[in-house]
Amino acid sequence: MSSAPPTVPRIDSPTFLVLAYDIADSAKALALRDAHMEGHLGHMEANWTRYVSAGPMRTDDGKGFLGSMFLLKAADRADVGALMIGDPYFRCGLYDRVEVVPAVVAIGTAIGGRIWASADQLKGAPATAVSKG
């Protein structure tokens, strides 16, 4: 068993999970991905400090795509929308459905540990106590 993760500061801004599901026509979706990939990657690289993590969602066999996931730092949903509309994948018709959900980044290698020192800090705490990351 590994040692307990270190306690790290919370991300200092609200975070949102964006799940973007590809259109049903997988051949057309793949063509759109290929045609707009350079612009998509360029947009993410230009805004990389806003992304906690991002990447494609794959099929179970790993051979196809279901869509994309983005874990973003943003002030609010409008800010998420403003960032995402700059991404060519969002403008080209690749995604059929997009979900935006406020999220808390609480543990993992992406943040280098966990945001709590003990469970007592989280028990009975209002949602706002952990809402900023």
N, C-alpha and C. Protein backbone atom coordinates (compact mmCIF):
# COMPACT_ATOMS: atom_id res chain seq x y z
N MET A 1 0.84 -1.19 0.00
CA MET A 1 0.00 0.00 0.00
C MET A 1 0.88 1.25 0.00
N SER A 2 0.50 2.22 -0.78
CA SER A 2 1.30 3.44 -0.88
C SER A 2 1.04 4.36 0.30
N SER A 3 1.92 5.30 0.50
CA SER A 3 1.76 6.25 1.59
C SER A 3 0.65 7.24 1.26
N ALA A 4 0.17 7.92 2.28
CA ALA A 4 -0.90 8.91 2.10
C ALA A 4 -0.40 10.05 1.22
N PRO A 5 -1.28 10.60 0.40
CA PRO A 5 -0.87 11.73 -0.44
C PRO A 5 -0.63 12.97 0.40
N PRO A 6 0.22 13.86 -0.05
CA PRO A 6 0.44 15.10 0.68
C PRO A 6 -0.79 16.00 0.59
N THR A 7 -0.93 16.87 1.57
CA THR A 7 -1.99 17.88 1.54
C THR A 7 -1.47 19.07 0.74
N VAL A 8 -2.28 19.52 -0.20
CA VAL A 8 -1.90 20.62 -1.09
C VAL A 8 -2.95 21.71 -1.03
N PRO A 9 -2.61 22.93 -1.43
CA PRO A 9 -3.62 24.00 -1.47
C PRO A 9 -4.69 23.71 -2.51
N ARG A 10 -5.87 24.22 -2.24
CA ARG A 10 -6.95 24.11 -3.22
C ARG A 10 -6.64 25.00 -4.42
N ILE A 11 -7.18 24.63 -5.57
CA ILE A 11 -7.08 25.50 -6.74
C ILE A 11 -7.83 26.78 -6.40
N ASP A 12 -7.23 27.92 -6.69
CA ASP A 12 -7.76 29.20 -6.21
C ASP A 12 -8.91 29.78 -7.03
N SER A 13 -9.42 29.04 -8.00
CA SER A 13 -10.57 29.52 -8.77
C SER A 13 -11.57 28.38 -8.92
N PRO A 14 -12.82 28.71 -9.23
CA PRO A 14 -13.79 27.65 -9.47
C PRO A 14 -13.34 26.77 -10.64
N THR A 15 -13.73 25.51 -10.58
CA THR A 15 -13.40 24.57 -11.65
C THR A 15 -14.68 23.95 -12.20
N PHE A 16 -14.63 23.61 -13.47
CA PHE A 16 -15.78 23.04 -14.17
C PHE A 16 -15.33 21.84 -14.99
N LEU A 17 -16.14 20.78 -14.95
CA LEU A 17 -15.93 19.63 -15.81
C LEU A 17 -16.80 19.82 -17.04
N VAL A 18 -16.17 19.78 -18.20
CA VAL A 18 -16.88 19.90 -19.47
C VAL A 18 -16.76 18.56 -20.19
N LEU A 19 -17.91 17.94 -20.45
CA LEU A 19 -17.96 16.70 -21.21
C LEU A 19 -18.61 17.01 -22.55
N ALA A 20 -17.85 16.85 -23.61
CA ALA A 20 -18.32 17.17 -24.96
C ALA A 20 -18.40 15.87 -25.75
N TYR A 21 -19.61 15.48 -26.14
CA TYR A 21 -19.85 14.21 -26.82
C TYR A 21 -19.89 14.40 -28.33
N ASP A 22 -19.14 13.57 -29.04
CA ASP A 22 -19.07 13.65 -30.50
C ASP A 22 -20.43 13.37 -31.15
N ILE A 23 -20.59 13.84 -32.37
CA ILE A 23 -21.77 13.52 -33.17
C ILE A 23 -21.81 12.01 -33.41
N ALA A 24 -22.99 11.48 -33.72
CA ALA A 24 -23.17 10.03 -33.88
C ALA A 24 -22.42 9.46 -35.09
N ASP A 25 -22.25 10.24 -36.13
CA ASP A 25 -21.55 9.79 -37.34
C ASP A 25 -20.05 9.77 -37.05
N SER A 26 -19.54 8.60 -36.65
CA SER A 26 -18.14 8.53 -36.21
C SER A 26 -17.15 8.83 -37.33
N ALA A 27 -17.47 8.49 -38.56
CA ALA A 27 -16.57 8.81 -39.68
C ALA A 27 -16.48 10.32 -39.87
N LYS A 28 -17.62 11.00 -39.82
CA LYS A 28 -17.63 12.46 -39.95
C LYS A 28 -16.92 13.10 -38.76
N ALA A 29 -17.15 12.56 -37.55
CA ALA A 29 -16.50 13.10 -36.35
C ALA A 29 -14.98 12.99 -36.48
N LEU A 30 -14.50 11.84 -36.94
CA LEU A 30 -13.05 11.67 -37.10
C LEU A 30 -12.50 12.63 -38.14
N ALA A 31 -13.24 12.83 -39.22
CA ALA A 31 -12.80 13.78 -40.25
C ALA A 31 -12.73 15.20 -39.69
N LEU A 32 -13.72 15.57 -38.86
CA LEU A 32 -13.71 16.90 -38.24
C LEU A 32 -12.55 17.03 -37.26
N ARG A 33 -12.30 15.98 -36.47
CA ARG A 33 -11.16 16.01 -35.54
C ARG A 33 -9.86 16.24 -36.30
N ASP A 34 -9.66 15.46 -37.35
CA ASP A 34 -8.42 15.58 -38.12
C ASP A 34 -8.28 16.96 -38.77
N ALA A 35 -9.37 17.47 -39.34
CA ALA A 35 -9.33 18.75 -40.05
C ALA A 35 -9.06 19.93 -39.11
N HIS A 36 -9.50 19.83 -37.87
CA HIS A 36 -9.40 20.96 -36.94
C HIS A 36 -8.42 20.73 -35.78
N MET A 37 -7.68 19.62 -35.84
CA MET A 37 -6.81 19.28 -34.71
C MET A 37 -5.74 20.34 -34.43
N GLU A 38 -5.09 20.85 -35.45
CA GLU A 38 -4.03 21.84 -35.21
C GLU A 38 -4.58 23.07 -34.51
N GLY A 39 -5.72 23.56 -34.95
CA GLY A 39 -6.34 24.71 -34.31
C GLY A 39 -6.78 24.41 -32.89
N HIS A 40 -7.33 23.21 -32.68
CA HIS A 40 -7.76 22.78 -31.35
C HIS A 40 -6.57 22.73 -30.39
N LEU A 41 -5.50 22.08 -30.82
CA LEU A 41 -4.31 21.99 -29.97
C LEU A 41 -3.69 23.37 -29.73
N GLY A 42 -3.67 24.21 -30.75
CA GLY A 42 -3.15 25.57 -30.59
C GLY A 42 -3.95 26.37 -29.59
N HIS A 43 -5.28 26.22 -29.64
CA HIS A 43 -6.14 26.93 -28.68
C HIS A 43 -5.84 26.46 -27.26
N MET A 44 -5.71 25.16 -27.07
CA MET A 44 -5.43 24.65 -25.72
C MET A 44 -4.04 25.08 -25.25
N GLU A 45 -3.07 25.06 -26.14
CA GLU A 45 -1.73 25.49 -25.75
C GLU A 45 -1.71 26.97 -25.39
N ALA A 46 -2.45 27.79 -26.12
CA ALA A 46 -2.50 29.23 -25.83
C ALA A 46 -3.18 29.52 -24.50
N ASN A 47 -4.05 28.62 -24.07
CA ASN A 47 -4.81 28.81 -22.83
C ASN A 47 -4.49 27.74 -21.79
N TRP A 48 -3.31 27.14 -21.88
CA TRP A 48 -2.99 25.97 -21.08
C TRP A 48 -3.12 26.18 -19.58
N THR A 49 -2.94 27.39 -19.09
CA THR A 49 -3.04 27.62 -17.65
C THR A 49 -4.48 27.55 -17.15
N ARG A 50 -5.45 27.52 -18.04
CA ARG A 50 -6.86 27.39 -17.66
C ARG A 50 -7.29 25.93 -17.53
N TYR A 51 -6.48 25.01 -18.07
CA TYR A 51 -6.82 23.59 -18.07
C TYR A 51 -6.14 22.89 -16.90
N VAL A 52 -6.94 22.25 -16.03
CA VAL A 52 -6.38 21.38 -15.01
C VAL A 52 -5.98 20.07 -15.69
N SER A 53 -6.84 19.62 -16.59
CA SER A 53 -6.59 18.43 -17.38
C SER A 53 -7.56 18.43 -18.55
N ALA A 54 -7.22 17.74 -19.61
CA ALA A 54 -8.10 17.63 -20.77
C ALA A 54 -7.63 16.46 -21.62
N GLY A 55 -8.54 15.94 -22.42
CA GLY A 55 -8.17 14.87 -23.33
C GLY A 55 -9.38 14.21 -23.94
N PRO A 56 -9.13 13.32 -24.89
CA PRO A 56 -10.24 12.64 -25.56
C PRO A 56 -10.86 11.58 -24.66
N MET A 57 -12.15 11.34 -24.86
CA MET A 57 -12.84 10.21 -24.24
C MET A 57 -12.87 9.12 -25.30
N ARG A 58 -12.39 7.95 -24.95
CA ARG A 58 -12.22 6.87 -25.92
C ARG A 58 -13.31 5.80 -25.76
N THR A 59 -13.48 5.02 -26.81
CA THR A 59 -14.36 3.85 -26.74
C THR A 59 -13.68 2.79 -25.87
N ASP A 60 -14.45 1.81 -25.41
CA ASP A 60 -13.90 0.77 -24.54
C ASP A 60 -12.71 0.04 -25.17
N ASP A 61 -12.74 -0.15 -26.48
CA ASP A 61 -11.64 -0.85 -27.13
C ASP A 61 -10.44 0.06 -27.43
N GLY A 62 -10.60 1.36 -27.14
CA GLY A 62 -9.51 2.31 -27.34
C GLY A 62 -9.26 2.70 -28.78
N LYS A 63 -10.11 2.24 -29.69
CA LYS A 63 -9.88 2.49 -31.11
C LYS A 63 -10.67 3.68 -31.65
N GLY A 64 -11.63 4.15 -30.91
CA GLY A 64 -12.45 5.26 -31.39
C GLY A 64 -12.60 6.34 -30.33
N PHE A 65 -13.32 7.38 -30.68
CA PHE A 65 -13.55 8.51 -29.79
C PHE A 65 -15.03 8.61 -29.44
N LEU A 66 -15.30 8.98 -28.21
CA LEU A 66 -16.66 9.28 -27.76
C LEU A 66 -16.87 10.79 -27.67
N GLY A 67 -15.78 11.50 -27.45
CA GLY A 67 -15.84 12.94 -27.27
C GLY A 67 -14.58 13.44 -26.59
N SER A 68 -14.73 14.52 -25.84
CA SER A 68 -13.59 15.12 -25.15
C SER A 68 -14.01 15.54 -23.75
N MET A 69 -13.04 15.54 -22.85
CA MET A 69 -13.31 16.05 -21.50
C MET A 69 -12.29 17.14 -21.19
N PHE A 70 -12.80 18.16 -20.49
CA PHE A 70 -11.97 19.30 -20.10
C PHE A 70 -12.26 19.61 -18.64
N LEU A 71 -11.25 19.70 -17.83
CA LEU A 71 -11.40 20.16 -16.45
C LEU A 71 -10.75 21.54 -16.42
N LEU A 72 -11.60 22.57 -16.27
CA LEU A 72 -11.17 23.95 -16.49
C LEU A 72 -11.26 24.82 -15.25
N LYS A 73 -10.37 25.79 -15.18
CA LYS A 73 -10.50 26.87 -14.21
C LYS A 73 -11.24 28.01 -14.91
N ALA A 74 -12.35 28.44 -14.32
CA ALA A 74 -13.16 29.50 -14.93
C ALA A 74 -13.94 30.21 -13.85
N ALA A 75 -14.24 31.47 -14.07
CA ALA A 75 -14.98 32.26 -13.09
C ALA A 75 -16.41 31.77 -12.93
N ASP A 76 -17.03 31.37 -14.05
CA ASP A 76 -18.42 30.93 -14.04
C ASP A 76 -18.72 30.24 -15.37
N ARG A 77 -19.97 29.81 -15.55
CA ARG A 77 -20.34 29.11 -16.79
C ARG A 77 -20.13 29.98 -18.03
N ALA A 78 -20.39 31.28 -17.90
CA ALA A 78 -20.19 32.17 -19.05
C ALA A 78 -18.71 32.20 -19.44
N ASP A 79 -17.83 32.18 -18.47
CA ASP A 79 -16.40 32.15 -18.73
C ASP A 79 -16.00 30.84 -19.41
N VAL A 80 -16.61 29.73 -18.97
CA VAL A 80 -16.37 28.44 -19.63
C VAL A 80 -16.78 28.54 -21.10
N GLY A 81 -17.97 29.08 -21.34
CA GLY A 81 -18.47 29.21 -22.71
C GLY A 81 -17.57 30.07 -23.57
N ALA A 82 -17.08 31.17 -23.01
CA ALA A 82 -16.20 32.06 -23.76
C ALA A 82 -14.89 31.36 -24.14
N LEU A 83 -14.36 30.55 -23.22
CA LEU A 83 -13.14 29.82 -23.52
C LEU A 83 -13.40 28.73 -24.57
N MET A 84 -14.46 27.99 -24.39
CA MET A 84 -14.73 26.87 -25.28
C MET A 84 -15.09 27.31 -26.70
N ILE A 85 -15.76 28.43 -26.85
CA ILE A 85 -16.15 28.88 -28.20
C ILE A 85 -14.92 29.27 -29.03
N GLY A 86 -13.80 29.52 -28.37
CA GLY A 86 -12.56 29.80 -29.08
C GLY A 86 -11.88 28.55 -29.62
N ASP A 87 -12.33 27.38 -29.20
CA ASP A 87 -11.75 26.10 -29.62
C ASP A 87 -12.42 25.66 -30.92
N PRO A 88 -11.65 25.44 -31.99
CA PRO A 88 -12.23 25.03 -33.26
C PRO A 88 -13.11 23.78 -33.17
N TYR A 89 -12.80 22.87 -32.26
CA TYR A 89 -13.64 21.67 -32.11
C TYR A 89 -15.07 22.05 -31.71
N PHE A 90 -15.23 23.13 -30.96
CA PHE A 90 -16.57 23.55 -30.53
C PHE A 90 -17.29 24.31 -31.64
N ARG A 91 -16.56 24.87 -32.57
CA ARG A 91 -17.18 25.66 -33.64
C ARG A 91 -17.47 24.85 -34.91
N CYS A 92 -16.83 23.71 -35.08
CA CYS A 92 -16.91 22.99 -36.36
C CYS A 92 -18.04 21.98 -36.44
N GLY A 93 -18.78 21.78 -35.37
CA GLY A 93 -19.87 20.81 -35.40
C GLY A 93 -19.48 19.42 -34.96
N LEU A 94 -18.30 19.27 -34.35
CA LEU A 94 -17.85 17.96 -33.87
C LEU A 94 -18.72 17.44 -32.73
N TYR A 95 -19.12 18.33 -31.83
CA TYR A 95 -19.84 17.89 -30.64
C TYR A 95 -21.35 18.00 -30.81
N ASP A 96 -22.03 16.94 -30.42
CA ASP A 96 -23.48 16.87 -30.47
C ASP A 96 -24.10 17.40 -29.18
N ARG A 97 -23.43 17.11 -28.07
CA ARG A 97 -23.97 17.48 -26.75
C ARG A 97 -22.80 17.86 -25.85
N VAL A 98 -23.00 18.91 -25.05
CA VAL A 98 -21.96 19.38 -24.13
C VAL A 98 -22.58 19.56 -22.75
N GLU A 99 -21.95 18.98 -21.74
CA GLU A 99 -22.36 19.15 -20.35
C GLU A 99 -21.30 19.98 -19.64
N VAL A 100 -21.74 20.94 -18.84
CA VAL A 100 -20.83 21.76 -18.03
C VAL A 100 -21.29 21.63 -16.58
N VAL A 101 -20.41 21.13 -15.72
CA VAL A 101 -20.75 20.85 -14.34
C VAL A 101 -19.71 21.48 -13.41
N PRO A 102 -20.13 22.27 -12.41
CA PRO A 102 -19.16 22.74 -11.43
C PRO A 102 -18.52 21.53 -10.73
N ALA A 103 -17.24 21.58 -10.50
CA ALA A 103 -16.52 20.44 -9.92
C ALA A 103 -15.49 20.93 -8.91
N VAL A 104 -15.09 20.02 -8.05
CA VAL A 104 -14.03 20.30 -7.08
C VAL A 104 -12.88 19.35 -7.37
N VAL A 105 -11.71 19.88 -7.56
CA VAL A 105 -10.52 19.07 -7.76
C VAL A 105 -9.95 18.80 -6.37
N ALA A 106 -10.16 17.57 -5.87
CA ALA A 106 -9.87 17.29 -4.47
C ALA A 106 -8.66 16.39 -4.23
N ILE A 107 -8.34 15.54 -5.19
CA ILE A 107 -7.21 14.62 -5.00
C ILE A 107 -6.71 14.14 -6.36
N GLY A 108 -5.44 13.84 -6.42
CA GLY A 108 -4.89 13.24 -7.63
C GLY A 108 -3.51 13.75 -7.97
N THR A 109 -2.92 13.08 -8.93
CA THR A 109 -1.57 13.45 -9.33
C THR A 109 -1.53 14.79 -10.05
N ALA A 110 -2.63 15.18 -10.70
CA ALA A 110 -2.64 16.46 -11.42
C ALA A 110 -2.45 17.64 -10.47
N ILE A 111 -2.91 17.50 -9.24
CA ILE A 111 -2.73 18.58 -8.26
C ILE A 111 -1.66 18.24 -7.23
N GLY A 112 -1.11 17.05 -7.31
CA GLY A 112 0.01 16.69 -6.46
C GLY A 112 -0.35 16.20 -5.07
N GLY A 113 -1.60 15.82 -4.86
CA GLY A 113 -1.99 15.32 -3.55
C GLY A 113 -3.48 15.47 -3.31
N ARG A 114 -3.83 15.84 -2.06
CA ARG A 114 -5.24 16.00 -1.67
C ARG A 114 -5.42 17.36 -1.01
N ILE A 115 -6.65 17.87 -1.01
CA ILE A 115 -6.90 19.20 -0.46
C ILE A 115 -7.33 19.17 1.00
N TRP A 116 -7.42 18.00 1.61
CA TRP A 116 -7.82 17.91 3.01
C TRP A 116 -6.72 17.23 3.82
N ALA A 117 -6.67 17.59 5.11
CA ALA A 117 -5.73 16.94 6.01
C ALA A 117 -6.41 15.78 6.74
N SER A 118 -7.73 15.93 7.01
CA SER A 118 -8.50 14.87 7.64
C SER A 118 -9.95 14.96 7.19
N ALA A 119 -10.67 13.86 7.29
CA ALA A 119 -12.08 13.82 6.89
C ALA A 119 -12.92 14.78 7.73
N ASP A 120 -12.49 15.06 8.95
CA ASP A 120 -13.24 15.97 9.81
C ASP A 120 -13.39 17.35 9.19
N GLN A 121 -12.44 17.75 8.37
CA GLN A 121 -12.54 19.04 7.69
C GLN A 121 -13.70 19.09 6.71
N LEU A 122 -14.10 17.95 6.19
CA LEU A 122 -15.13 17.89 5.16
C LEU A 122 -16.51 17.53 5.69
N LYS A 123 -16.58 16.85 6.83
CA LYS A 123 -17.86 16.41 7.38
C LYS A 123 -18.73 17.59 7.75
N GLY A 124 -19.94 17.60 7.21
CA GLY A 124 -20.89 18.66 7.54
C GLY A 124 -20.56 20.02 6.97
N ALA A 125 -19.50 20.10 6.18
CA ALA A 125 -19.11 21.40 5.61
C ALA A 125 -20.09 21.78 4.52
N PRO A 126 -20.46 23.05 4.44
CA PRO A 126 -21.33 23.47 3.34
C PRO A 126 -20.60 23.32 2.01
N ALA A 127 -21.38 23.16 0.96
CA ALA A 127 -20.78 22.98 -0.37
C ALA A 127 -19.82 24.10 -0.71
N THR A 128 -20.10 25.30 -0.23
CA THR A 128 -19.22 26.43 -0.54
C THR A 128 -17.84 26.27 0.07
N ALA A 129 -17.72 25.43 1.09
CA ALA A 129 -16.42 25.24 1.73
C ALA A 129 -15.44 24.52 0.81
N VAL A 130 -15.96 23.78 -0.15
CA VAL A 130 -15.08 23.05 -1.07
C VAL A 130 -15.35 23.42 -2.53
N SER A 131 -16.09 24.49 -2.76
CA SER A 131 -16.51 24.80 -4.12
C SER A 131 -15.46 25.48 -4.98
N LYS A 132 -14.41 25.96 -4.42
CA LYS A 132 -13.41 26.68 -5.22
C LYS A 132 -12.22 25.81 -5.59
N GLY A 133 -12.42 24.54 -5.70
CA GLY A 133 -11.33 23.70 -6.15
C GLY A 133 -10.88 22.72 -5.15
